[in-house]
């Protein structure tokens, strides 16, 4: 069953209220273009970053991976509240770490150790 505009906006408000749990995937806010955020519960929100400025929401996927909203091919409706959603907690969004970053240093160290061991084994 399709979500209503009000239900999607409620999801976005809930995500924004708990924005400290957000992670970025693939790109950081320093990149421009489409930036994807993922919540701890699995919601994915793609935002267009226009040279460091929140521009618009491009798409929203539920935890099952189903797209519940995306920019229509003919363009958004004037004053579309989902397209124009701007978080109140924008700093938490734009400063969200990349997926896996809390452990990325440990992973990198482990991978370096394994690579070093492997190189020693080969020499």
N, C-alpha and C. Protein backbone atom coordinates (compact mmCIF):
# COMPACT_ATOMS: atom_id res chain seq x y z
N UNK A 1 0.85 -1.18 0.00
CA UNK A 1 0.00 0.00 0.00
C UNK A 1 0.90 1.24 0.00
N UNK A 2 0.58 2.18 -0.86
CA UNK A 2 1.37 3.40 -0.99
C UNK A 2 1.21 4.29 0.25
N UNK A 3 2.28 4.96 0.59
CA UNK A 3 2.23 5.90 1.71
C UNK A 3 1.66 7.23 1.24
N UNK A 4 0.93 7.89 2.11
CA UNK A 4 0.41 9.21 1.79
C UNK A 4 1.51 10.26 1.99
N UNK A 5 1.28 11.41 1.44
CA UNK A 5 2.22 12.53 1.63
C UNK A 5 2.42 12.83 3.11
N UNK A 6 1.32 12.83 3.87
CA UNK A 6 1.41 13.11 5.31
C UNK A 6 2.23 12.05 6.04
N UNK A 7 2.06 10.77 5.66
CA UNK A 7 2.83 9.70 6.29
C UNK A 7 4.33 9.83 5.98
N UNK A 8 4.64 10.18 4.75
CA UNK A 8 6.05 10.37 4.37
C UNK A 8 6.64 11.55 5.12
N UNK A 9 5.90 12.63 5.23
CA UNK A 9 6.39 13.80 5.97
C UNK A 9 6.60 13.46 7.45
N UNK A 10 5.73 12.63 7.99
CA UNK A 10 5.88 12.21 9.39
C UNK A 10 7.15 11.38 9.55
N UNK A 11 7.43 10.51 8.60
CA UNK A 11 8.68 9.73 8.63
C UNK A 11 9.88 10.67 8.59
N UNK A 12 9.83 11.66 7.71
CA UNK A 12 10.95 12.61 7.59
C UNK A 12 11.14 13.41 8.87
N UNK A 13 10.06 13.81 9.51
CA UNK A 13 10.16 14.55 10.77
C UNK A 13 10.76 13.66 11.86
N UNK A 14 10.36 12.40 11.88
CA UNK A 14 10.89 11.45 12.86
C UNK A 14 12.39 11.22 12.63
N UNK A 15 12.77 11.06 11.37
CA UNK A 15 14.19 10.89 11.03
C UNK A 15 14.97 12.13 11.47
N UNK A 16 14.42 13.30 11.22
CA UNK A 16 15.10 14.55 11.58
C UNK A 16 15.26 14.68 13.09
N UNK A 17 14.26 14.25 13.84
CA UNK A 17 14.34 14.33 15.31
C UNK A 17 15.45 13.44 15.87
N UNK A 18 15.77 12.36 15.15
CA UNK A 18 16.82 11.45 15.59
C UNK A 18 17.98 11.45 14.60
N UNK A 19 18.29 12.63 14.07
CA UNK A 19 19.29 12.76 13.01
C UNK A 19 20.70 12.39 13.46
N UNK A 20 20.94 12.33 14.76
CA UNK A 20 22.27 11.95 15.23
C UNK A 20 22.62 10.52 14.84
N UNK A 21 21.61 9.71 14.53
CA UNK A 21 21.86 8.33 14.13
C UNK A 21 22.08 8.15 12.63
N UNK A 22 21.98 9.23 11.86
CA UNK A 22 22.14 9.15 10.41
C UNK A 22 23.57 8.83 10.01
N UNK A 23 23.73 8.16 8.89
CA UNK A 23 25.02 7.91 8.27
C UNK A 23 24.88 8.23 6.79
N UNK A 24 25.95 8.70 6.17
CA UNK A 24 25.97 8.92 4.72
C UNK A 24 26.54 7.67 4.07
N UNK A 25 26.10 7.40 2.85
CA UNK A 25 26.65 6.26 2.12
C UNK A 25 27.35 6.77 0.87
N UNK A 26 28.55 6.34 0.66
CA UNK A 26 29.25 6.64 -0.58
C UNK A 26 29.89 8.01 -0.68
N UNK A 27 29.14 9.06 -0.45
CA UNK A 27 29.65 10.42 -0.60
C UNK A 27 29.54 11.17 0.73
N UNK A 28 30.34 12.20 0.87
CA UNK A 28 30.23 13.06 2.05
C UNK A 28 29.61 14.38 1.62
N UNK A 29 29.28 15.21 2.60
CA UNK A 29 28.65 16.49 2.29
C UNK A 29 29.59 17.39 1.50
N UNK A 30 30.89 17.11 1.54
CA UNK A 30 31.84 17.91 0.76
C UNK A 30 31.72 17.64 -0.73
N UNK A 31 31.11 16.51 -1.09
CA UNK A 31 30.85 16.22 -2.49
C UNK A 31 29.57 16.93 -2.87
N UNK A 32 29.36 17.16 -4.15
CA UNK A 32 28.10 17.75 -4.56
C UNK A 32 27.34 16.75 -5.40
N UNK A 33 26.06 16.96 -5.52
CA UNK A 33 25.21 16.03 -6.24
C UNK A 33 24.34 15.28 -5.25
N UNK A 34 23.98 14.05 -5.62
CA UNK A 34 23.09 13.26 -4.78
C UNK A 34 23.86 12.64 -3.62
N UNK A 35 23.38 12.87 -2.41
CA UNK A 35 23.96 12.32 -1.20
C UNK A 35 22.90 11.43 -0.56
N UNK A 36 23.28 10.21 -0.20
CA UNK A 36 22.31 9.30 0.42
C UNK A 36 22.59 9.16 1.90
N UNK A 37 21.53 9.27 2.69
CA UNK A 37 21.58 9.09 4.14
C UNK A 37 20.83 7.81 4.48
N UNK A 38 21.31 7.10 5.49
CA UNK A 38 20.62 5.90 5.96
C UNK A 38 20.42 6.02 7.46
N UNK A 39 19.23 5.61 7.92
CA UNK A 39 18.90 5.67 9.34
C UNK A 39 19.24 4.33 9.98
N UNK A 40 19.34 4.29 11.31
CA UNK A 40 19.58 3.00 11.98
C UNK A 40 18.50 1.96 11.67
N UNK A 41 17.28 2.41 11.38
CA UNK A 41 16.19 1.48 11.08
C UNK A 41 16.14 1.08 9.60
N UNK A 42 17.00 1.68 8.77
CA UNK A 42 17.09 1.27 7.37
C UNK A 42 16.43 2.17 6.35
N UNK A 43 15.81 3.26 6.77
CA UNK A 43 15.27 4.21 5.80
C UNK A 43 16.43 4.85 5.05
N UNK A 44 16.26 5.09 3.76
CA UNK A 44 17.28 5.75 2.93
C UNK A 44 16.67 7.01 2.31
N UNK A 45 17.38 8.11 2.49
CA UNK A 45 16.90 9.39 1.96
C UNK A 45 18.01 9.96 1.09
N UNK A 46 17.70 10.20 -0.19
CA UNK A 46 18.66 10.81 -1.11
C UNK A 46 18.34 12.28 -1.25
N UNK A 47 19.37 13.09 -1.05
CA UNK A 47 19.22 14.55 -1.08
C UNK A 47 20.15 15.10 -2.15
N UNK A 48 19.69 16.12 -2.85
CA UNK A 48 20.59 16.78 -3.80
C UNK A 48 21.30 17.91 -3.08
N UNK A 49 22.62 17.82 -3.06
CA UNK A 49 23.48 18.82 -2.44
C UNK A 49 23.98 19.72 -3.55
N UNK A 50 23.54 20.95 -3.54
CA UNK A 50 23.92 21.91 -4.57
C UNK A 50 25.10 22.75 -4.07
N UNK A 51 26.30 22.24 -4.30
CA UNK A 51 27.55 22.93 -3.92
C UNK A 51 27.56 23.29 -2.43
N UNK A 52 27.22 22.31 -1.58
CA UNK A 52 27.28 22.51 -0.14
C UNK A 52 26.00 23.05 0.46
N UNK A 53 24.95 23.11 -0.32
CA UNK A 53 23.67 23.62 0.17
C UNK A 53 22.58 22.58 -0.05
N UNK A 54 21.79 22.32 1.00
CA UNK A 54 20.66 21.39 0.89
C UNK A 54 19.72 21.95 -0.16
N UNK A 55 19.48 21.20 -1.23
CA UNK A 55 18.63 21.69 -2.30
C UNK A 55 17.24 21.06 -2.24
N UNK A 56 17.17 19.73 -2.38
CA UNK A 56 15.87 19.07 -2.34
C UNK A 56 16.04 17.58 -2.06
N UNK A 57 14.94 16.94 -1.68
CA UNK A 57 14.93 15.50 -1.50
C UNK A 57 14.67 14.87 -2.87
N UNK A 58 15.54 13.94 -3.23
CA UNK A 58 15.43 13.26 -4.52
C UNK A 58 14.60 11.99 -4.42
N UNK A 59 14.81 11.21 -3.33
CA UNK A 59 14.03 9.98 -3.16
C UNK A 59 14.08 9.51 -1.72
N UNK A 60 13.11 8.69 -1.36
CA UNK A 60 13.02 8.10 -0.02
C UNK A 60 12.67 6.63 -0.20
N UNK A 61 13.46 5.75 0.43
CA UNK A 61 13.22 4.30 0.38
C UNK A 61 12.97 3.78 1.78
N UNK A 62 11.99 2.90 1.91
CA UNK A 62 11.70 2.32 3.23
C UNK A 62 12.74 1.24 3.56
N UNK A 63 12.73 0.70 4.77
CA UNK A 63 13.72 -0.31 5.15
C UNK A 63 13.71 -1.57 4.28
N UNK A 64 12.62 -1.84 3.59
CA UNK A 64 12.56 -3.00 2.70
C UNK A 64 13.14 -2.68 1.33
N UNK A 65 13.56 -1.42 1.12
CA UNK A 65 14.15 -1.03 -0.16
C UNK A 65 13.16 -0.49 -1.17
N UNK A 66 11.90 -0.39 -0.78
CA UNK A 66 10.86 0.11 -1.68
C UNK A 66 10.89 1.64 -1.70
N UNK A 67 10.90 2.20 -2.90
CA UNK A 67 10.88 3.65 -3.04
C UNK A 67 9.47 4.14 -2.71
N UNK A 68 9.35 4.94 -1.66
CA UNK A 68 8.04 5.46 -1.26
C UNK A 68 7.80 6.87 -1.80
N UNK A 69 8.89 7.50 -2.28
CA UNK A 69 8.75 8.81 -2.90
C UNK A 69 9.99 9.11 -3.73
N UNK A 70 9.79 9.71 -4.88
CA UNK A 70 10.90 10.22 -5.68
C UNK A 70 10.40 11.39 -6.51
N UNK A 71 11.35 12.19 -6.97
CA UNK A 71 10.98 13.34 -7.79
C UNK A 71 10.27 12.82 -9.04
N UNK A 72 9.07 13.27 -9.31
CA UNK A 72 8.36 12.81 -10.50
C UNK A 72 9.14 13.16 -11.78
N UNK A 73 9.02 12.32 -12.79
CA UNK A 73 9.74 12.56 -14.04
C UNK A 73 9.36 13.91 -14.67
N UNK A 74 8.15 14.35 -14.43
CA UNK A 74 7.71 15.64 -14.98
C UNK A 74 8.10 16.81 -14.06
N UNK A 75 8.79 16.50 -12.98
CA UNK A 75 9.21 17.53 -12.03
C UNK A 75 8.25 17.59 -10.86
N UNK A 76 8.68 18.21 -9.77
CA UNK A 76 7.83 18.28 -8.58
C UNK A 76 6.68 19.25 -8.75
N UNK A 77 5.63 19.02 -7.96
CA UNK A 77 4.52 19.98 -7.92
C UNK A 77 5.05 21.27 -7.30
N UNK A 78 4.48 22.40 -7.66
CA UNK A 78 4.87 23.63 -6.97
C UNK A 78 4.64 23.49 -5.47
N UNK A 79 5.59 23.88 -4.70
CA UNK A 79 5.53 23.83 -3.23
C UNK A 79 5.34 22.42 -2.69
N UNK A 80 5.86 21.42 -3.37
CA UNK A 80 5.76 20.04 -2.89
C UNK A 80 6.46 19.94 -1.54
N UNK A 81 5.74 19.58 -0.47
CA UNK A 81 6.33 19.59 0.86
C UNK A 81 7.41 18.53 1.08
N UNK A 82 7.37 17.43 0.33
CA UNK A 82 8.41 16.42 0.48
C UNK A 82 9.66 16.87 -0.26
N UNK A 83 9.51 17.27 -1.50
CA UNK A 83 10.62 17.78 -2.31
C UNK A 83 11.33 18.92 -1.58
N UNK A 84 10.55 19.81 -0.97
CA UNK A 84 11.10 21.00 -0.32
C UNK A 84 11.38 20.82 1.17
N UNK A 85 11.26 19.58 1.69
CA UNK A 85 11.53 19.35 3.10
C UNK A 85 12.96 19.77 3.44
N UNK A 86 13.08 20.59 4.45
CA UNK A 86 14.40 20.99 4.96
C UNK A 86 14.43 20.63 6.44
N UNK A 87 15.42 19.86 6.85
CA UNK A 87 15.46 19.44 8.26
C UNK A 87 15.72 20.59 9.21
N UNK A 88 15.12 20.50 10.40
CA UNK A 88 15.40 21.48 11.44
C UNK A 88 16.78 21.24 12.02
N UNK A 89 17.20 19.97 11.99
CA UNK A 89 18.49 19.57 12.55
C UNK A 89 19.51 19.38 11.43
N UNK A 90 19.61 20.35 10.53
CA UNK A 90 20.42 20.19 9.32
C UNK A 90 21.90 19.92 9.63
N UNK A 91 22.42 20.48 10.72
CA UNK A 91 23.82 20.25 11.05
C UNK A 91 24.10 18.77 11.28
N UNK A 92 23.17 18.07 11.91
CA UNK A 92 23.37 16.63 12.14
C UNK A 92 23.38 15.87 10.81
N UNK A 93 22.59 16.32 9.85
CA UNK A 93 22.56 15.66 8.54
C UNK A 93 23.88 15.91 7.81
N UNK A 94 24.28 17.17 7.68
CA UNK A 94 25.46 17.45 6.86
C UNK A 94 26.76 17.02 7.52
N UNK A 95 26.73 16.78 8.82
CA UNK A 95 27.91 16.28 9.53
C UNK A 95 27.84 14.79 9.83
N UNK A 96 26.87 14.10 9.26
CA UNK A 96 26.72 12.66 9.50
C UNK A 96 27.95 11.92 8.98
N UNK A 97 28.44 10.97 9.76
CA UNK A 97 29.60 10.20 9.30
C UNK A 97 29.20 9.22 8.20
N UNK A 98 30.19 8.75 7.47
CA UNK A 98 29.94 7.73 6.46
C UNK A 98 29.56 6.42 7.13
N UNK A 99 28.80 5.60 6.44
CA UNK A 99 28.42 4.28 6.95
C UNK A 99 29.69 3.54 7.34
N UNK A 100 29.69 2.98 8.54
CA UNK A 100 30.83 2.20 9.00
C UNK A 100 31.96 3.02 9.59
N UNK A 101 31.84 4.34 9.59
CA UNK A 101 32.97 5.16 10.03
C UNK A 101 33.34 4.98 11.50
N UNK A 102 32.42 4.69 12.42
CA UNK A 102 32.88 4.51 13.80
C UNK A 102 33.90 3.39 13.94
N UNK A 103 33.82 2.42 13.04
CA UNK A 103 34.76 1.31 13.11
C UNK A 103 35.76 1.34 11.97
N UNK A 104 35.69 2.33 11.12
CA UNK A 104 36.53 2.31 9.92
C UNK A 104 38.01 2.28 10.25
N UNK A 105 38.43 2.99 11.31
CA UNK A 105 39.85 2.98 11.67
C UNK A 105 40.27 1.60 12.14
N UNK A 106 39.41 0.94 12.93
CA UNK A 106 39.74 -0.41 13.39
C UNK A 106 39.80 -1.36 12.21
N UNK A 107 38.85 -1.23 11.27
CA UNK A 107 38.84 -2.09 10.09
C UNK A 107 40.09 -1.86 9.26
N UNK A 108 40.44 -0.59 9.08
CA UNK A 108 41.61 -0.26 8.27
C UNK A 108 42.86 -0.84 8.92
N UNK A 109 42.98 -0.72 10.24
CA UNK A 109 44.13 -1.27 10.95
C UNK A 109 44.17 -2.78 10.80
N UNK A 110 43.04 -3.44 10.93
CA UNK A 110 42.98 -4.88 10.78
C UNK A 110 43.38 -5.28 9.36
N UNK A 111 42.84 -4.58 8.36
CA UNK A 111 43.19 -4.89 6.98
C UNK A 111 44.67 -4.65 6.71
N UNK A 112 45.21 -3.58 7.28
CA UNK A 112 46.64 -3.32 7.11
C UNK A 112 47.46 -4.44 7.74
N UNK A 113 47.05 -4.93 8.91
CA UNK A 113 47.74 -6.03 9.58
C UNK A 113 47.70 -7.30 8.74
N UNK A 114 46.53 -7.59 8.19
CA UNK A 114 46.39 -8.78 7.35
C UNK A 114 47.24 -8.65 6.10
N UNK A 115 47.20 -7.48 5.47
CA UNK A 115 48.00 -7.26 4.27
C UNK A 115 49.49 -7.37 4.58
N UNK A 116 49.90 -6.81 5.69
CA UNK A 116 51.31 -6.89 6.09
C UNK A 116 51.71 -8.35 6.33
N UNK A 117 50.87 -9.10 7.02
CA UNK A 117 51.13 -10.51 7.27
C UNK A 117 51.24 -11.27 5.95
N UNK A 118 50.31 -10.98 5.03
CA UNK A 118 50.30 -11.66 3.74
C UNK A 118 51.56 -11.32 2.94
N UNK A 119 51.96 -10.06 2.96
CA UNK A 119 53.18 -9.65 2.24
C UNK A 119 54.41 -10.33 2.84
N UNK A 120 54.47 -10.43 4.17
CA UNK A 120 55.58 -11.13 4.83
C UNK A 120 55.61 -12.59 4.44
N UNK A 121 54.43 -13.17 4.33
CA UNK A 121 54.33 -14.58 3.97
C UNK A 121 54.84 -14.81 2.54
N UNK A 122 54.54 -13.88 1.66
CA UNK A 122 54.95 -14.01 0.27
C UNK A 122 56.43 -13.72 0.04
N UNK A 123 57.07 -13.00 0.94
CA UNK A 123 58.47 -12.64 0.72
C UNK A 123 59.43 -13.66 1.29
